[in-house]
PDB file of N, CA and C in Angstrom:
ATOM      1  N   MET A   1     -21.922  21.195  12.910  1.00  0.00           N
ATOM      2  CA  MET A   1     -20.835  20.671  13.807  1.00  0.00           C
ATOM      3  C   MET A   1     -20.720  19.201  13.830  1.00  0.00           C
ATOM      4  N   SER A   2     -21.697  18.478  13.308  1.00  0.00           N
ATOM      5  CA  SER A   2     -21.462  16.967  13.385  1.00  0.00           C
ATOM      6  C   SER A   2     -20.488  16.542  12.251  1.00  0.00           C
ATOM      7  N   TYR A   3     -20.403  17.406  11.141  1.00  0.00           N
ATOM      8  CA  TYR A   3     -19.480  17.023  10.122  1.00  0.00           C
ATOM      9  C   TYR A   3     -18.127  17.092  10.697  1.00  0.00           C
ATOM     10  N   LEU A   4     -17.862  18.102  11.367  1.00  0.00           N
ATOM     11  CA  LEU A   4     -16.419  18.318  12.075  1.00  0.00           C
ATOM     12  C   LEU A   4     -16.108  17.252  13.022  1.00  0.00           C
ATOM     13  N   ASN A   5     -17.093  16.732  13.689  1.00  0.00           N
ATOM     14  CA  ASN A   5     -16.912  15.594  14.673  1.00  0.00           C
ATOM     15  C   ASN A   5     -16.399  14.254  13.866  1.00  0.00           C
ATOM     16  N   LYS A   6     -16.674  14.256  12.519  1.00  0.00           N
ATOM     17  CA  LYS A   6     -16.353  13.162  11.799  1.00  0.00           C
ATOM     18  C   LYS A   6     -15.029  13.149  10.991  1.00  0.00           C
ATOM     19  N   ILE A   7     -14.451  14.247  11.108  1.00  0.00           N
ATOM     20  CA  ILE A   7     -13.099  14.548  10.312  1.00  0.00           C
ATOM     21  C   ILE A   7     -12.061  13.663  11.033  1.00  0.00           C
ATOM     22  N   PRO A   8     -11.809  13.503  12.289  1.00  0.00           N
ATOM     23  CA  PRO A   8     -10.756  12.764  12.769  1.00  0.00           C
ATOM     24  C   PRO A   8     -10.911  11.226  12.380  1.00  0.00           C
ATOM     25  N   LYS A   9     -12.190  10.677  12.334  1.00  0.00           N
ATOM     26  CA  LYS A   9     -12.349   9.406  11.901  1.00  0.00           C
ATOM     27  C   LYS A   9     -12.152   9.177  10.514  1.00  0.00           C
ATOM     28  N   GLN A  10     -12.481  10.329   9.561  1.00  0.00           N
ATOM     29  CA  GLN A  10     -12.176  10.150   8.209  1.00  0.00           C
ATOM     30  C   GLN A  10     -10.682  10.133   8.208  1.00  0.00           C
ATOM     31  N   ILE A  11      -9.937  10.939   8.852  1.00  0.00           N
ATOM     32  CA  ILE A  11      -8.486  11.095   8.670  1.00  0.00           C
ATOM     33  C   ILE A  11      -7.890   9.683   9.080  1.00  0.00           C
ATOM     34  N   ASN A  12      -8.406   9.057  10.065  1.00  0.00           N
ATOM     35  CA  ASN A  12      -7.873   7.780  10.502  1.00  0.00           C
ATOM     36  C   ASN A  12      -8.112   6.775   9.437  1.00  0.00           C
ATOM     37  N   LEU A  13      -9.357   6.698   8.839  1.00  0.00           N
ATOM     38  CA  LEU A  13      -9.678   5.842   7.813  1.00  0.00           C
ATOM     39  C   LEU A  13      -8.678   5.977   6.665  1.00  0.00           C
ATOM     40  N   PHE A  14      -8.369   7.246   6.162  1.00  0.00           N
ATOM     41  CA  PHE A  14      -7.670   7.625   5.170  1.00  0.00           C
ATOM     42  C   PHE A  14      -6.187   7.073   5.454  1.00  0.00           C
ATOM     43  N   ARG A  15      -5.684   7.328   6.600  1.00  0.00           N
ATOM     44  CA  ARG A  15      -4.467   6.902   7.013  1.00  0.00           C
ATOM     45  C   ARG A  15      -4.206   5.380   6.934  1.00  0.00           C
ATOM     46  N   ARG A  16      -5.268   4.654   7.313  1.00  0.00           N
ATOM     47  CA  ARG A  16      -5.342   3.275   7.265  1.00  0.00           C
ATOM     48  C   ARG A  16      -5.122   2.750   5.848  1.00  0.00           C
ATOM     49  N   ARG A  17      -6.048   3.311   4.938  1.00  0.00           N
ATOM     50  CA  ARG A  17      -6.047   3.025   3.513  1.00  0.00           C
ATOM     51  C   ARG A  17      -4.768   3.416   2.860  1.00  0.00           C
ATOM     52  N   LEU A  18      -4.000   4.399   3.346  1.00  0.00           N
ATOM     53  CA  LEU A  18      -2.753   4.677   2.754  1.00  0.00           C
ATOM     54  C   LEU A  18      -1.734   3.743   3.272  1.00  0.00           C
ATOM     55  N   ALA A  19      -1.764   3.364   4.371  1.00  0.00           N
ATOM     56  CA  ALA A  19      -0.904   2.344   4.835  1.00  0.00           C
ATOM     57  C   ALA A  19      -1.094   1.078   4.161  1.00  0.00           C
ATOM     58  N   ASP A  20      -2.384   0.639   3.870  1.00  0.00           N
ATOM     59  CA  ASP A  20      -2.647  -0.521   3.072  1.00  0.00           C
ATOM     60  C   ASP A  20      -2.094  -0.341   1.813  1.00  0.00           C
ATOM     61  N   LEU A  21      -2.314   0.716   1.042  1.00  0.00           N
ATOM     62  CA  LEU A  21      -1.622   0.929  -0.262  1.00  0.00           C
ATOM     63  C   LEU A  21      -0.112   0.809  -0.410  1.00  0.00           C
ATOM     64  N   GLU A  22       0.461   1.367   0.751  1.00  0.00           N
ATOM     65  CA  GLU A  22       1.944   1.262   0.912  1.00  0.00           C
ATOM     66  C   GLU A  22       2.451  -0.013   0.984  1.00  0.00           C
ATOM     67  N   ASP A  23       1.605  -1.007   1.793  1.00  0.00           N
ATOM     68  CA  ASP A  23       1.915  -2.306   1.967  1.00  0.00           C
ATOM     69  C   ASP A  23       1.759  -3.029   0.642  1.00  0.00           C
ATOM     70  N   GLU A  24       0.885  -2.730  -0.121  1.00  0.00           N
ATOM     71  CA  GLU A  24       0.517  -3.524  -1.313  1.00  0.00           C
ATOM     72  C   GLU A  24       1.720  -3.037  -2.315  1.00  0.00           C
ATOM     73  N   ASP A  25       2.135  -1.875  -2.306  1.00  0.00           N
ATOM     74  CA  ASP A  25       3.195  -1.249  -3.133  1.00  0.00           C
ATOM     75  C   ASP A  25       4.475  -2.242  -2.857  1.00  0.00           C
ATOM     76  N   ARG A  26       4.779  -2.410  -1.681  1.00  0.00           N
ATOM     77  CA  ARG A  26       5.858  -3.029  -1.071  1.00  0.00           C
ATOM     78  C   ARG A  26       5.930  -4.580  -1.636  1.00  0.00           C
ATOM     79  N   ARG A  27       4.700  -5.107  -1.512  1.00  0.00           N
ATOM     80  CA  ARG A  27       4.586  -6.584  -2.079  1.00  0.00           C
ATOM     81  C   ARG A  27       4.723  -6.519  -3.519  1.00  0.00           C
ATOM     82  N   TYR A  28       4.149  -5.662  -4.308  1.00  0.00           N
ATOM     83  CA  TYR A  28       4.242  -5.724  -5.750  1.00  0.00           C
ATOM     84  C   TYR A  28       5.853  -5.531  -5.960  1.00  0.00           C
ATOM     85  N   LYS A  29       6.535  -4.688  -5.454  1.00  0.00           N
ATOM     86  CA  LYS A  29       7.927  -4.514  -5.699  1.00  0.00           C
ATOM     87  C   LYS A  29       8.681  -5.631  -5.297  1.00  0.00           C
ATOM     88  N   ALA A  30       8.389  -6.389  -4.261  1.00  0.00           N
ATOM     89  CA  ALA A  30       9.247  -7.592  -3.992  1.00  0.00           C
ATOM     90  C   ALA A  30       8.811  -8.563  -4.904  1.00  0.00           C
ATOM     91  N   GLU A  31       7.538  -8.654  -5.252  1.00  0.00           N
ATOM     92  CA  GLU A  31       7.280  -9.916  -6.358  1.00  0.00           C
ATOM     93  C   GLU A  31       8.084  -9.395  -7.712  1.00  0.00           C
ATOM     94  N   ALA A  32       7.857  -8.110  -8.059  1.00  0.00           N
ATOM     95  CA  ALA A  32       8.652  -7.777  -9.332  1.00  0.00           C
ATOM     96  C   ALA A  32      10.152  -8.057  -9.289  1.00  0.00           C
ATOM     97  N   ARG A  33      10.833  -7.838  -8.008  1.00  0.00           N
ATOM     98  CA  ARG A  33      12.284  -8.405  -7.841  1.00  0.00           C
ATOM     99  C   ARG A  33      12.442  -9.772  -8.055  1.00  0.00           C
ATOM    100  N   ARG A  34      11.456 -10.422  -7.343  1.00  0.00           N
ATOM    101  CA  ARG A  34      11.489 -11.985  -7.579  1.00  0.00           C
ATOM    102  C   ARG A  34      11.418 -12.415  -8.948  1.00  0.00           C
ATOM    103  N   LEU A  35      10.597 -11.801  -9.680  1.00  0.00           N
ATOM    104  CA  LEU A  35      10.375 -12.385 -11.001  1.00  0.00           C
ATOM    105  C   LEU A  35      11.572 -11.958 -11.877  1.00  0.00           C
ATOM    106  N   GLN A  36      12.147 -10.774 -11.599  1.00  0.00           N
ATOM    107  CA  GLN A  36      13.313 -10.296 -12.352  1.00  0.00           C
ATOM    108  C   GLN A  36      14.373 -11.256 -12.191  1.00  0.00           C
ATOM    109  N   ALA A  37      14.702 -11.756 -10.891  1.00  0.00           N
ATOM    110  CA  ALA A  37      15.798 -12.588 -10.651  1.00  0.00           C
ATOM    111  C   ALA A  37      15.441 -13.900 -11.302  1.00  0.00           C
ATOM    112  N   GLU A  38      14.138 -14.366 -11.344  1.00  0.00           N
ATOM    113  CA  GLU A  38      13.893 -15.529 -12.019  1.00  0.00           C
ATOM    114  C   GLU A  38      14.168 -15.485 -13.302  1.00  0.00           C
ATOM    115  N   MET A  39      13.752 -14.520 -14.123  1.00  0.00           N
ATOM    116  CA  MET A  39      13.935 -14.154 -15.488  1.00  0.00           C
ATOM    117  C   MET A  39      15.335 -14.277 -15.714  1.00  0.00           C
ATOM    118  N   SER A  40      16.264 -13.572 -14.895  1.00  0.00           N
ATOM    119  CA  SER A  40      17.764 -13.433 -15.186  1.00  0.00           C
ATOM    120  C   SER A  40      18.307 -15.139 -15.100  1.00  0.00           C
ATOM    121  N   LYS A  41      17.672 -15.779 -14.316  1.00  0.00           N
ATOM    122  CA  LYS A  41      18.182 -17.331 -14.222  1.00  0.00           C
ATOM    123  C   LYS A  41      17.983 -17.921 -15.474  1.00  0.00           C
ATOM    124  N   LEU A  42      17.037 -17.544 -16.175  1.00  0.00           N
ATOM    125  CA  LEU A  42      16.484 -18.339 -17.417  1.00  0.00           C
ATOM    126  C   LEU A  42      17.288 -17.847 -18.522  1.00  0.00           C
ATOM    127  N   GLN A  43      17.872 -16.684 -18.555  1.00  0.00           N
ATOM    128  CA  GLN A  43      18.452 -16.177 -19.795  1.00  0.00           C
ATOM    129  C   GLN A  43      19.989 -16.804 -19.978  1.00  0.00           C
TER     130      GLN A  43
END
């Protein structure tokens, strides 16, 4: 039964980690757009 008590905490940790990864994805995409704009200025 103790394992079942830990499931909500594990789900919350998973959700937080997923949110962190989504934030990181947004930052990488924004940086990629910024770099593409910078490269297009140089051409």
